[in-house]
Amino acid sequence: MTESSKAAGDEAVEPGRRIRADARRNEDAVLEAAKQVFAASGVDAPVREIAARAGVGVGTLYRRFPNRSDLVAAVFRREVDACAAEAAALAAAHSPGEALGLWLRRYTRFIATKKGLAAALHSGDQVFETLPAYFRTNFEPALTALLEAAAAAGEIRGGVAAYDLLRAVGNLSVASGEEGDQHTQRMLDLLIDGLRYGAAARQEPTVR
């Protein structure tokens, strides 16, 4: 290939690359905007509000997400991925017990962005059918690793099932109103204290 033909080839490819990069940025902007709008107003919030926050036209949003359920499912999966991935990052940067507590707080923030999602999941829309399994497939291994590390370090009791804890934290996070988030954090503190109960006793040497 000559230099001139190579340069021509580069010029031919560049517009396509630029379009794909623009499309990816638009999609990321839409998903981030939808997450924020859903957190404030629920999953039934106006699409125009999401498009305006993302800085794209409504047509651009609909081309990527033809139905509201497509957008809701995409936001859910994106947030699940981000929250689950943070478990490993926290484990690398903190002690096992601290990493567990920090991730559980991160998980409550994840739940807070899902106003109206429970109703959507039971709407009968096929787009949502795989989401509960996606939730468990990603969150259970992430939390199990944190629980096992904290138990091995003697910072919490052993034998705690990750799914039970996920459900418990989810139930704590349903509080609403001005005190909702503060109430959730206080209840989470109590739950974490409960996980610690009995762990220290197993670590203390027996006095003879």
N, C-alpha and C. Protein backbone atom coordinates (compact mmCIF):
# COMPACT_ATOMS: atom_id res chain seq x y z
N MET A 1 0.85 -1.20 0.00
CA MET A 1 0.00 0.00 0.00
C MET A 1 0.88 1.24 0.00
N THR A 2 0.59 2.19 -0.89
CA THR A 2 1.37 3.42 -0.95
C THR A 2 0.95 4.35 0.17
N GLU A 3 1.81 5.36 0.42
CA GLU A 3 1.49 6.33 1.47
C GLU A 3 0.19 7.06 1.16
N SER A 4 0.01 7.37 -0.17
CA SER A 4 -1.18 8.12 -0.53
C SER A 4 -2.45 7.29 -0.35
N SER A 5 -2.36 5.97 -0.75
CA SER A 5 -3.55 5.12 -0.58
C SER A 5 -3.82 4.85 0.89
N LYS A 6 -2.76 4.73 1.70
CA LYS A 6 -2.93 4.54 3.14
C LYS A 6 -3.60 5.74 3.77
N ALA A 7 -3.16 6.93 3.35
CA ALA A 7 -3.77 8.14 3.89
C ALA A 7 -5.22 8.23 3.49
N ALA A 8 -5.51 7.84 2.22
CA ALA A 8 -6.89 7.88 1.77
C ALA A 8 -7.74 6.90 2.56
N GLY A 9 -7.15 5.74 2.86
CA GLY A 9 -7.89 4.77 3.66
C GLY A 9 -8.17 5.29 5.05
N ASP A 10 -7.20 5.97 5.65
CA ASP A 10 -7.40 6.54 6.98
C ASP A 10 -8.53 7.56 6.96
N GLU A 11 -8.57 8.38 5.90
CA GLU A 11 -9.62 9.39 5.81
C GLU A 11 -10.98 8.74 5.65
N ALA A 12 -11.03 7.57 4.94
CA ALA A 12 -12.30 6.90 4.74
C ALA A 12 -12.83 6.30 6.03
N VAL A 13 -11.93 5.83 6.88
CA VAL A 13 -12.35 5.18 8.11
C VAL A 13 -12.71 6.19 9.19
N GLU A 14 -12.05 7.31 9.20
CA GLU A 14 -12.19 8.26 10.30
C GLU A 14 -13.64 8.73 10.54
N PRO A 15 -14.43 9.07 9.50
CA PRO A 15 -15.80 9.50 9.77
C PRO A 15 -16.62 8.45 10.49
N GLY A 16 -16.46 7.16 10.09
CA GLY A 16 -17.20 6.10 10.77
C GLY A 16 -16.82 5.98 12.22
N ARG A 17 -15.53 6.09 12.49
CA ARG A 17 -15.07 6.03 13.88
C ARG A 17 -15.66 7.19 14.68
N ARG A 18 -15.68 8.37 14.03
CA ARG A 18 -16.18 9.55 14.72
C ARG A 18 -17.67 9.40 15.03
N ILE A 19 -18.43 8.81 14.09
CA ILE A 19 -19.86 8.60 14.31
C ILE A 19 -20.07 7.63 15.46
N ARG A 20 -19.29 6.54 15.48
CA ARG A 20 -19.45 5.56 16.57
C ARG A 20 -19.11 6.18 17.92
N ALA A 21 -18.05 7.00 17.96
CA ALA A 21 -17.67 7.66 19.21
C ALA A 21 -18.75 8.62 19.67
N ASP A 22 -19.33 9.36 18.71
CA ASP A 22 -20.41 10.29 19.06
C ASP A 22 -21.63 9.53 19.57
N ALA A 23 -21.94 8.42 18.92
CA ALA A 23 -23.09 7.62 19.34
C ALA A 23 -22.88 7.08 20.75
N ARG A 24 -21.66 6.65 21.05
CA ARG A 24 -21.37 6.14 22.39
C ARG A 24 -21.49 7.24 23.43
N ARG A 25 -20.97 8.42 23.11
CA ARG A 25 -21.09 9.55 24.06
C ARG A 25 -22.55 9.91 24.29
N ASN A 26 -23.34 9.92 23.21
CA ASN A 26 -24.76 10.23 23.35
C ASN A 26 -25.47 9.19 24.22
N GLU A 27 -25.14 7.92 24.00
CA GLU A 27 -25.77 6.87 24.79
C GLU A 27 -25.40 7.00 26.26
N ASP A 28 -24.12 7.23 26.55
CA ASP A 28 -23.69 7.41 27.93
C ASP A 28 -24.39 8.61 28.57
N ALA A 29 -24.52 9.69 27.80
CA ALA A 29 -25.18 10.89 28.33
C ALA A 29 -26.65 10.61 28.63
N VAL A 30 -27.31 9.87 27.75
CA VAL A 30 -28.72 9.54 27.96
C VAL A 30 -28.90 8.66 29.19
N LEU A 31 -28.04 7.64 29.34
CA LEU A 31 -28.16 6.73 30.47
C LEU A 31 -27.88 7.45 31.80
N GLU A 32 -26.89 8.34 31.81
CA GLU A 32 -26.61 9.09 33.03
C GLU A 32 -27.74 10.04 33.36
N ALA A 33 -28.28 10.70 32.34
CA ALA A 33 -29.41 11.61 32.56
C ALA A 33 -30.63 10.84 33.04
N ALA A 34 -30.89 9.68 32.44
CA ALA A 34 -32.04 8.87 32.85
C ALA A 34 -31.89 8.41 34.28
N LYS A 35 -30.69 8.03 34.68
CA LYS A 35 -30.46 7.62 36.07
C LYS A 35 -30.83 8.75 37.03
N GLN A 36 -30.40 9.96 36.72
CA GLN A 36 -30.67 11.10 37.59
C GLN A 36 -32.16 11.43 37.63
N VAL A 37 -32.80 11.41 36.46
CA VAL A 37 -34.22 11.73 36.39
C VAL A 37 -35.05 10.65 37.06
N PHE A 38 -34.70 9.39 36.84
CA PHE A 38 -35.43 8.30 37.50
C PHE A 38 -35.32 8.39 39.01
N ALA A 39 -34.13 8.76 39.50
CA ALA A 39 -33.92 8.87 40.94
C ALA A 39 -34.81 9.96 41.54
N ALA A 40 -35.00 11.03 40.78
CA ALA A 40 -35.79 12.16 41.29
C ALA A 40 -37.29 11.96 41.07
N SER A 41 -37.66 11.39 39.93
CA SER A 41 -39.07 11.38 39.54
C SER A 41 -39.65 10.00 39.26
N GLY A 42 -38.82 8.95 39.29
CA GLY A 42 -39.31 7.62 39.01
C GLY A 42 -39.16 7.27 37.53
N VAL A 43 -39.38 5.98 37.23
CA VAL A 43 -39.13 5.49 35.86
C VAL A 43 -40.19 5.94 34.87
N ASP A 44 -41.25 6.59 35.33
CA ASP A 44 -42.28 7.10 34.42
C ASP A 44 -42.06 8.57 34.08
N ALA A 45 -40.91 9.11 34.42
CA ALA A 45 -40.61 10.53 34.14
C ALA A 45 -40.66 10.78 32.63
N PRO A 46 -41.01 12.01 32.21
CA PRO A 46 -41.09 12.33 30.78
C PRO A 46 -39.77 12.12 30.05
N VAL A 47 -39.87 11.51 28.88
CA VAL A 47 -38.67 11.27 28.08
C VAL A 47 -38.02 12.58 27.66
N ARG A 48 -38.83 13.60 27.39
CA ARG A 48 -38.28 14.90 26.99
C ARG A 48 -37.36 15.47 28.07
N GLU A 49 -37.72 15.24 29.33
CA GLU A 49 -36.87 15.71 30.42
C GLU A 49 -35.52 15.02 30.41
N ILE A 50 -35.52 13.73 30.12
CA ILE A 50 -34.27 12.98 30.05
C ILE A 50 -33.42 13.46 28.89
N ALA A 51 -34.05 13.63 27.72
CA ALA A 51 -33.31 14.09 26.54
C ALA A 51 -32.71 15.47 26.78
N ALA A 52 -33.48 16.36 27.40
CA ALA A 52 -32.99 17.71 27.65
C ALA A 52 -31.79 17.69 28.60
N ARG A 53 -31.87 16.87 29.64
CA ARG A 53 -30.76 16.78 30.59
C ARG A 53 -29.52 16.19 29.92
N ALA A 54 -29.73 15.26 28.99
CA ALA A 54 -28.62 14.63 28.30
C ALA A 54 -28.03 15.51 27.20
N GLY A 55 -28.78 16.54 26.80
CA GLY A 55 -28.30 17.41 25.73
C GLY A 55 -28.44 16.81 24.35
N VAL A 56 -29.44 15.93 24.18
CA VAL A 56 -29.69 15.32 22.87
C VAL A 56 -31.15 15.53 22.50
N GLY A 57 -31.46 15.31 21.24
CA GLY A 57 -32.84 15.40 20.81
C GLY A 57 -33.63 14.17 21.19
N VAL A 58 -34.96 14.32 21.27
CA VAL A 58 -35.81 13.19 21.61
C VAL A 58 -35.66 12.08 20.56
N GLY A 59 -35.49 12.48 19.29
CA GLY A 59 -35.31 11.49 18.23
C GLY A 59 -34.07 10.64 18.44
N THR A 60 -32.99 11.29 18.90
CA THR A 60 -31.76 10.55 19.18
C THR A 60 -31.99 9.52 20.27
N LEU A 61 -32.72 9.92 21.30
CA LEU A 61 -33.00 8.99 22.40
C LEU A 61 -33.83 7.81 21.91
N TYR A 62 -34.86 8.09 21.12
CA TYR A 62 -35.74 7.01 20.66
C TYR A 62 -35.05 6.08 19.65
N ARG A 63 -34.09 6.61 18.90
CA ARG A 63 -33.38 5.73 17.97
C ARG A 63 -32.60 4.66 18.72
N ARG A 64 -32.05 5.03 19.86
CA ARG A 64 -31.28 4.05 20.65
C ARG A 64 -32.17 3.24 21.57
N PHE A 65 -33.21 3.86 22.10
CA PHE A 65 -34.11 3.18 23.04
C PHE A 65 -35.55 3.39 22.57
N PRO A 66 -36.04 2.54 21.65
CA PRO A 66 -37.36 2.73 21.05
C PRO A 66 -38.50 2.75 22.06
N ASN A 67 -38.36 1.98 23.13
CA ASN A 67 -39.40 1.91 24.16
C ASN A 67 -38.84 2.34 25.51
N ARG A 68 -39.71 2.86 26.36
CA ARG A 68 -39.28 3.26 27.69
C ARG A 68 -38.65 2.07 28.43
N SER A 69 -39.22 0.90 28.26
CA SER A 69 -38.69 -0.27 28.96
C SER A 69 -37.25 -0.56 28.55
N ASP A 70 -36.90 -0.31 27.29
CA ASP A 70 -35.52 -0.50 26.85
C ASP A 70 -34.57 0.42 27.62
N LEU A 71 -35.00 1.66 27.80
CA LEU A 71 -34.18 2.63 28.52
C LEU A 71 -34.06 2.26 30.00
N VAL A 72 -35.17 1.90 30.61
CA VAL A 72 -35.16 1.53 32.02
C VAL A 72 -34.24 0.33 32.25
N ALA A 73 -34.35 -0.69 31.40
CA ALA A 73 -33.52 -1.88 31.55
C ALA A 73 -32.04 -1.55 31.36
N ALA A 74 -31.73 -0.68 30.40
CA ALA A 74 -30.33 -0.31 30.16
C ALA A 74 -29.75 0.45 31.34
N VAL A 75 -30.52 1.35 31.93
CA VAL A 75 -30.06 2.09 33.10
C VAL A 75 -29.83 1.12 34.26
N PHE A 76 -30.75 0.20 34.45
CA PHE A 76 -30.64 -0.76 35.54
C PHE A 76 -29.36 -1.58 35.40
N ARG A 77 -29.12 -2.13 34.20
CA ARG A 77 -27.94 -2.96 34.00
C ARG A 77 -26.66 -2.15 34.19
N ARG A 78 -26.65 -0.93 33.69
CA ARG A 78 -25.46 -0.08 33.83
C ARG A 78 -25.15 0.19 35.30
N GLU A 79 -26.18 0.45 36.09
CA GLU A 79 -25.98 0.73 37.50
C GLU A 79 -25.60 -0.53 38.29
N VAL A 80 -26.17 -1.66 37.91
CA VAL A 80 -25.78 -2.93 38.55
C VAL A 80 -24.31 -3.19 38.29
N ASP A 81 -23.88 -3.02 37.05
CA ASP A 81 -22.47 -3.26 36.70
C ASP A 81 -21.54 -2.37 37.52
N ALA A 82 -21.88 -1.09 37.61
CA ALA A 82 -21.02 -0.14 38.31
C ALA A 82 -20.96 -0.45 39.80
N CYS A 83 -22.11 -0.77 40.39
CA CYS A 83 -22.16 -1.05 41.82
C CYS A 83 -21.41 -2.35 42.14
N ALA A 84 -21.62 -3.38 41.35
CA ALA A 84 -20.95 -4.66 41.59
C ALA A 84 -19.44 -4.52 41.44
N ALA A 85 -19.00 -3.78 40.43
CA ALA A 85 -17.56 -3.61 40.20
C ALA A 85 -16.88 -2.88 41.35
N GLU A 86 -17.63 -2.02 42.04
CA GLU A 86 -17.03 -1.25 43.12
C GLU A 86 -16.65 -2.13 44.31
N ALA A 87 -17.26 -3.30 44.43
CA ALA A 87 -16.93 -4.19 45.54
C ALA A 87 -15.45 -4.56 45.52
N ALA A 88 -14.94 -4.91 44.34
CA ALA A 88 -13.53 -5.29 44.23
C ALA A 88 -12.61 -4.11 44.49
N ALA A 89 -13.01 -2.94 44.01
CA ALA A 89 -12.19 -1.74 44.23
C ALA A 89 -12.11 -1.39 45.70
N LEU A 90 -13.22 -1.50 46.42
CA LEU A 90 -13.23 -1.20 47.85
C LEU A 90 -12.41 -2.25 48.62
N ALA A 91 -12.52 -3.50 48.21
CA ALA A 91 -11.77 -4.57 48.89
C ALA A 91 -10.26 -4.36 48.75
N ALA A 92 -9.85 -3.78 47.63
CA ALA A 92 -8.42 -3.55 47.40
C ALA A 92 -7.90 -2.35 48.18
N ALA A 93 -8.79 -1.45 48.56
CA ALA A 93 -8.35 -0.20 49.17
C ALA A 93 -8.61 -0.11 50.68
N HIS A 94 -9.40 -1.05 51.23
CA HIS A 94 -9.79 -0.94 52.65
C HIS A 94 -9.69 -2.30 53.33
N SER A 95 -9.77 -2.26 54.65
CA SER A 95 -9.83 -3.51 55.40
C SER A 95 -11.14 -4.22 55.05
N PRO A 96 -11.21 -5.55 55.27
CA PRO A 96 -12.41 -6.29 54.87
C PRO A 96 -13.70 -5.77 55.47
N GLY A 97 -13.70 -5.48 56.76
CA GLY A 97 -14.91 -4.98 57.40
C GLY A 97 -15.31 -3.62 56.89
N GLU A 98 -14.34 -2.75 56.70
CA GLU A 98 -14.63 -1.40 56.20
C GLU A 98 -15.13 -1.48 54.76
N ALA A 99 -14.51 -2.33 53.94
CA ALA A 99 -14.95 -2.48 52.55
C ALA A 99 -16.39 -2.96 52.49
N LEU A 100 -16.74 -3.88 53.36
CA LEU A 100 -18.12 -4.39 53.40
C LEU A 100 -19.09 -3.27 53.73
N GLY A 101 -18.81 -2.50 54.78
CA GLY A 101 -19.69 -1.41 55.17
C GLY A 101 -19.83 -0.36 54.08
N LEU A 102 -18.72 -0.01 53.46
CA LEU A 102 -18.76 1.00 52.39
C LEU A 102 -19.57 0.51 51.20
N TRP A 103 -19.42 -0.78 50.87
CA TRP A 103 -20.17 -1.28 49.73
C TRP A 103 -21.66 -1.35 50.03
N LEU A 104 -22.03 -1.73 51.24
CA LEU A 104 -23.45 -1.76 51.58
C LEU A 104 -24.07 -0.36 51.49
N ARG A 105 -23.30 0.65 51.85
CA ARG A 105 -23.79 2.03 51.69
C ARG A 105 -23.90 2.39 50.20
N ARG A 106 -22.95 1.92 49.42
CA ARG A 106 -23.02 2.13 47.97
C ARG A 106 -24.26 1.44 47.41
N TYR A 107 -24.58 0.28 47.93
CA TYR A 107 -25.75 -0.46 47.47
C TYR A 107 -27.05 0.28 47.81
N THR A 108 -27.10 0.93 48.96
CA THR A 108 -28.31 1.70 49.28
C THR A 108 -28.48 2.86 48.32
N ARG A 109 -27.38 3.45 47.87
CA ARG A 109 -27.49 4.53 46.87
C ARG A 109 -27.99 3.99 45.54
N PHE A 110 -27.58 2.79 45.20
CA PHE A 110 -28.08 2.13 44.00
C PHE A 110 -29.60 1.97 44.10
N ILE A 111 -30.07 1.49 45.22
CA ILE A 111 -31.50 1.27 45.40
C ILE A 111 -32.28 2.58 45.32
N ALA A 112 -31.69 3.65 45.84
CA ALA A 112 -32.37 4.94 45.87
C ALA A 112 -32.66 5.48 44.47
N THR A 113 -31.93 5.03 43.47
CA THR A 113 -32.14 5.52 42.10
C THR A 113 -33.21 4.73 41.36
N LYS A 114 -33.87 3.79 42.04
CA LYS A 114 -34.77 2.87 41.35
C LYS A 114 -36.23 3.10 41.70
N LYS A 115 -36.65 4.34 41.86
CA LYS A 115 -38.04 4.63 42.16
C LYS A 115 -38.94 4.13 41.04
N GLY A 116 -39.92 3.32 41.39
CA GLY A 116 -40.86 2.82 40.39
C GLY A 116 -40.39 1.57 39.68
N LEU A 117 -39.17 1.12 39.95
CA LEU A 117 -38.66 -0.04 39.22
C LEU A 117 -39.40 -1.30 39.62
N ALA A 118 -39.76 -1.43 40.89
CA ALA A 118 -40.46 -2.64 41.35
C ALA A 118 -41.75 -2.84 40.57
N ALA A 119 -42.51 -1.75 40.37
CA ALA A 119 -43.75 -1.85 39.61
C ALA A 119 -43.47 -2.22 38.16
N ALA A 120 -42.40 -1.64 37.61
CA ALA A 120 -42.04 -1.94 36.23
C ALA A 120 -41.70 -3.41 36.06
N LEU A 121 -40.98 -3.97 37.03
CA LEU A 121 -40.58 -5.37 36.95
C LEU A 121 -41.78 -6.31 36.94
N HIS A 122 -42.90 -5.86 37.50
CA HIS A 122 -44.10 -6.69 37.56
C HIS A 122 -45.15 -6.25 36.53
N SER A 123 -44.71 -5.49 35.53
CA SER A 123 -45.63 -4.96 34.53
C SER A 123 -45.97 -5.96 33.44
N GLY A 124 -45.22 -7.06 33.37
CA GLY A 124 -45.44 -8.04 32.31
C GLY A 124 -44.63 -7.77 31.06
N ASP A 125 -43.90 -6.68 31.01
CA ASP A 125 -43.06 -6.36 29.84
C ASP A 125 -41.90 -7.36 29.78
N GLN A 126 -41.75 -8.02 28.63
CA GLN A 126 -40.71 -9.04 28.50
C GLN A 126 -39.30 -8.49 28.65
N VAL A 127 -39.12 -7.21 28.38
CA VAL A 127 -37.80 -6.60 28.51
C VAL A 127 -37.27 -6.73 29.93
N PHE A 128 -38.18 -6.75 30.91
CA PHE A 128 -37.77 -6.77 32.31
C PHE A 128 -37.59 -8.17 32.87
N GLU A 129 -37.94 -9.20 32.10
CA GLU A 129 -37.97 -10.55 32.65
C GLU A 129 -36.61 -11.04 33.14
N THR A 130 -35.55 -10.60 32.48
CA THR A 130 -34.21 -11.10 32.85
C THR A 130 -33.53 -10.25 33.92
N LEU A 131 -34.14 -9.12 34.30
CA LEU A 131 -33.46 -8.22 35.22
C LEU A 131 -33.26 -8.80 36.62
N PRO A 132 -34.25 -9.46 37.23
CA PRO A 132 -33.99 -10.03 38.57
C PRO A 132 -32.81 -10.99 38.57
N ALA A 133 -32.69 -11.82 37.53
CA ALA A 133 -31.56 -12.75 37.46
C ALA A 133 -30.26 -11.99 37.26
N TYR A 134 -30.30 -10.91 36.49
CA TYR A 134 -29.10 -10.10 36.29
C TYR A 134 -28.64 -9.50 37.61
N PHE A 135 -29.59 -9.06 38.40
CA PHE A 135 -29.33 -8.51 39.73
C PHE A 135 -28.58 -9.53 40.58
N ARG A 136 -29.12 -10.73 40.69
CA ARG A 136 -28.51 -11.74 41.56
C ARG A 136 -27.16 -12.22 41.02
N THR A 137 -27.08 -12.40 39.70
CA THR A 137 -25.85 -12.91 39.09
C THR A 137 -24.66 -11.98 39.34
N ASN A 138 -24.92 -10.68 39.40
CA ASN A 138 -23.84 -9.71 39.60
C ASN A 138 -23.61 -9.37 41.07
N PHE A 139 -24.68 -9.20 41.84
CA PHE A 139 -24.52 -8.73 43.21
C PHE A 139 -24.15 -9.83 44.20
N GLU A 140 -24.70 -11.00 44.04
CA GLU A 140 -24.41 -12.05 45.02
C GLU A 140 -22.93 -12.42 45.08
N PRO A 141 -22.25 -12.66 43.94
CA PRO A 141 -20.82 -12.96 44.04
C PRO A 141 -20.00 -11.82 44.62
N ALA A 142 -20.36 -10.58 44.27
CA ALA A 142 -19.62 -9.42 44.78
C ALA A 142 -19.75 -9.33 46.30
N LEU A 143 -20.97 -9.48 46.81
CA LEU A 143 -21.18 -9.38 48.25
C LEU A 143 -20.64 -10.60 48.97
N THR A 144 -20.76 -11.77 48.37
CA THR A 144 -20.23 -12.98 48.99
C THR A 144 -18.73 -12.85 49.25
N ALA A 145 -18.01 -12.31 48.28
CA ALA A 145 -16.56 -12.14 48.44
C ALA A 145 -16.25 -11.20 49.60
N LEU A 146 -17.02 -10.12 49.74
CA LEU A 146 -16.81 -9.17 50.84
C LEU A 146 -17.14 -9.82 52.18
N LEU A 147 -18.24 -10.56 52.24
CA LEU A 147 -18.63 -11.22 53.48
C LEU A 147 -17.60 -12.26 53.92
N GLU A 148 -17.13 -13.05 52.97
CA GLU A 148 -16.16 -14.09 53.32
C GLU A 148 -14.84 -13.49 53.80
N ALA A 149 -14.42 -12.40 53.16
CA ALA A 149 -13.17 -11.75 53.58
C ALA A 149 -13.31 -11.16 54.97
N ALA A 150 -14.45 -10.52 55.25
CA ALA A 150 -14.67 -9.91 56.56
C ALA A 150 -14.78 -10.97 57.65
N ALA A 151 -15.43 -12.10 57.31
CA ALA A 151 -15.56 -13.18 58.29
C ALA A 151 -14.19 -13.82 58.56
N ALA A 152 -13.40 -14.01 57.51
CA ALA A 152 -12.06 -14.59 57.69
C ALA A 152 -11.17 -13.70 58.54
N ALA A 153 -11.39 -12.39 58.45
CA ALA A 153 -10.61 -11.45 59.25
C ALA A 153 -11.15 -11.30 60.67
N GLY A 154 -12.24 -12.00 60.98
CA GLY A 154 -12.83 -11.92 62.31
C GLY A 154 -13.58 -10.64 62.57
N GLU A 155 -13.99 -9.94 61.52
CA GLU A 155 -14.67 -8.65 61.69
C GLU A 155 -16.19 -8.77 61.68
N ILE A 156 -16.71 -9.88 61.16
CA ILE A 156 -18.15 -10.15 61.22
C ILE A 156 -18.33 -11.64 61.49
N ARG A 157 -19.54 -12.04 61.80
CA ARG A 157 -19.83 -13.46 61.96
C ARG A 157 -19.80 -14.14 60.59
N GLY A 158 -19.58 -15.42 60.58
CA GLY A 158 -19.62 -16.18 59.35
C GLY A 158 -21.02 -16.70 59.06
N GLY A 159 -21.18 -17.30 57.88
CA GLY A 159 -22.43 -17.95 57.54
C GLY A 159 -23.55 -17.04 57.11
N VAL A 160 -23.26 -15.79 56.76
CA VAL A 160 -24.29 -14.86 56.32
C VAL A 160 -24.48 -15.02 54.82
N ALA A 161 -25.70 -15.30 54.40
CA ALA A 161 -26.00 -15.47 52.98
C ALA A 161 -26.10 -14.11 52.30
N ALA A 162 -25.41 -13.95 51.20
CA ALA A 162 -25.39 -12.66 50.50
C ALA A 162 -26.79 -12.24 50.08
N TYR A 163 -27.59 -13.17 49.57
CA TYR A 163 -28.92 -12.80 49.10
C TYR A 163 -29.81 -12.33 50.24
N ASP A 164 -29.67 -12.97 51.40
CA ASP A 164 -30.45 -12.52 52.57
C ASP A 164 -30.09 -11.09 52.93
N LEU A 165 -28.80 -10.78 52.90
CA LEU A 165 -28.36 -9.44 53.26
C LEU A 165 -28.80 -8.42 52.21
N LEU A 166 -28.74 -8.77 50.94
CA LEU A 166 -29.20 -7.87 49.89
C LEU A 166 -30.68 -7.54 50.08
N ARG A 167 -31.47 -8.53 50.39
CA ARG A 167 -32.90 -8.29 50.61
C ARG A 167 -33.13 -7.46 51.86
N ALA A 168 -32.36 -7.72 52.92
CA ALA A 168 -32.52 -6.96 54.15
C ALA A 168 -32.22 -5.49 53.93
N VAL A 169 -31.12 -5.20 53.24
CA VAL A 169 -30.75 -3.81 52.97
C VAL A 169 -31.78 -3.17 52.05
N GLY A 170 -32.28 -3.94 51.10
CA GLY A 170 -33.32 -3.42 50.23
C GLY A 170 -34.57 -3.02 51.01
N ASN A 171 -34.95 -3.83 51.97
CA ASN A 171 -36.12 -3.52 52.79
C ASN A 171 -35.87 -2.29 53.66
N LEU A 172 -34.64 -2.11 54.11
CA LEU A 172 -34.32 -0.93 54.92
C LEU A 172 -34.36 0.35 54.10
N SER A 173 -34.23 0.22 52.79
CA SER A 173 -34.07 1.39 51.94
C SER A 173 -35.38 1.91 51.37
N VAL A 174 -36.51 1.42 51.87
CA VAL A 174 -37.79 1.85 51.32
C VAL A 174 -38.32 3.11 52.00
N ALA A 175 -37.65 3.59 53.03
CA ALA A 175 -38.12 4.80 53.73
C ALA A 175 -38.13 5.97 52.77
N SER A 176 -39.10 6.85 52.94
CA SER A 176 -39.22 8.01 52.06
C SER A 176 -39.32 9.28 52.89
N GLY A 177 -39.41 10.42 52.21
CA GLY A 177 -39.51 11.70 52.90
C GLY A 177 -38.15 12.30 53.18
N GLU A 178 -38.16 13.44 53.87
CA GLU A 178 -36.92 14.16 54.13
C GLU A 178 -35.95 13.34 54.98
N GLU A 179 -36.48 12.50 55.87
CA GLU A 179 -35.63 11.71 56.75
C GLU A 179 -35.30 10.35 56.16
N GLY A 180 -35.78 10.09 54.93
CA GLY A 180 -35.63 8.76 54.36
C GLY A 180 -34.20 8.28 54.31
N ASP A 181 -33.30 9.06 53.72
CA ASP A 181 -31.92 8.62 53.57
C ASP A 181 -31.22 8.51 54.93
N GLN A 182 -31.46 9.47 55.80
CA GLN A 182 -30.84 9.43 57.12
C GLN A 182 -31.33 8.22 57.91
N HIS A 183 -32.62 7.93 57.78
CA HIS A 183 -33.18 6.76 58.47
C HIS A 183 -32.54 5.48 57.92
N THR A 184 -32.40 5.39 56.62
CA THR A 184 -31.79 4.21 56.02
C THR A 184 -30.38 4.01 56.53
N GLN A 185 -29.60 5.08 56.60
CA GLN A 185 -28.21 4.96 57.07
C GLN A 185 -28.15 4.55 58.53
N ARG A 186 -29.07 5.07 59.35
CA ARG A 186 -29.08 4.65 60.76
C ARG A 186 -29.42 3.18 60.89
N MET A 187 -30.40 2.72 60.13
CA MET A 187 -30.78 1.31 60.18
C MET A 187 -29.66 0.42 59.63
N LEU A 188 -28.96 0.92 58.62
CA LEU A 188 -27.84 0.16 58.07
C LEU A 188 -26.72 0.03 59.10
N ASP A 189 -26.48 1.09 59.86
CA ASP A 189 -25.48 1.01 60.94
C ASP A 189 -25.84 -0.09 61.94
N LEU A 190 -27.12 -0.17 62.28
CA LEU A 190 -27.56 -1.22 63.21
C LEU A 190 -27.37 -2.61 62.60
N LEU A 191 -27.67 -2.72 61.31
CA LEU A 191 -27.51 -4.00 60.65
C LEU A 191 -26.04 -4.43 60.62
N ILE A 192 -25.16 -3.49 60.33
CA ILE A 192 -23.73 -3.82 60.30
C ILE A 192 -23.24 -4.20 61.69
N ASP A 193 -23.73 -3.50 62.72
CA ASP A 193 -23.39 -3.88 64.10
C ASP A 193 -23.84 -5.31 64.38
N GLY A 194 -25.01 -5.68 63.86
CA GLY A 194 -25.50 -7.04 64.04
C GLY A 194 -24.60 -8.07 63.38
N LEU A 195 -24.03 -7.72 62.24
CA LEU A 195 -23.10 -8.64 61.58
C LEU A 195 -21.84 -8.86 62.41
N ARG A 196 -21.48 -7.83 63.17
CA ARG A 196 -20.27 -7.94 63.99
C ARG A 196 -20.51 -8.75 65.26
N TYR A 197 -21.78 -8.87 65.68
CA TYR A 197 -22.08 -9.52 66.94
C TYR A 197 -21.58 -10.97 66.91
N GLY A 198 -20.77 -11.34 67.91
CA GLY A 198 -20.26 -12.69 68.02
C GLY A 198 -18.92 -12.90 67.35
N ALA A 199 -18.55 -12.02 66.41
CA ALA A 199 -17.28 -12.21 65.71
C ALA A 199 -16.09 -12.01 66.63
N ALA A 200 -16.11 -10.96 67.44
CA ALA A 200 -14.98 -10.66 68.33
C ALA A 200 -14.78 -11.77 69.35
N ALA A 201 -15.87 -12.36 69.84
CA ALA A 201 -15.77 -13.40 70.85
C ALA A 201 -15.00 -14.60 70.34
N ARG A 202 -15.17 -14.90 69.02
CA ARG A 202 -14.47 -16.04 68.46
C ARG A 202 -12.98 -15.78 68.30
N GLN A 203 -12.63 -14.49 68.26
CA GLN A 203 -11.23 -14.15 68.04
C GLN A 203 -10.43 -14.02 69.34
N GLU A 204 -11.13 -13.93 70.48
CA GLU A 204 -10.43 -13.73 71.75
C GLU A 204 -9.84 -15.04 72.24
N PRO A 205 -8.61 -15.03 72.73
CA PRO A 205 -8.01 -16.28 73.25
C PRO A 205 -8.73 -16.72 74.51
N THR A 206 -8.77 -18.01 74.70
CA THR A 206 -9.41 -18.57 75.88
C THR A 206 -8.51 -18.36 77.11
N VAL A 207 -9.08 -17.82 78.18
CA VAL A 207 -8.33 -17.60 79.41
C VAL A 207 -8.42 -18.83 80.27
N ARG A 208 -7.26 -19.40 80.66
CA ARG A 208 -7.24 -20.62 81.48
C ARG A 208 -6.83 -20.28 82.90
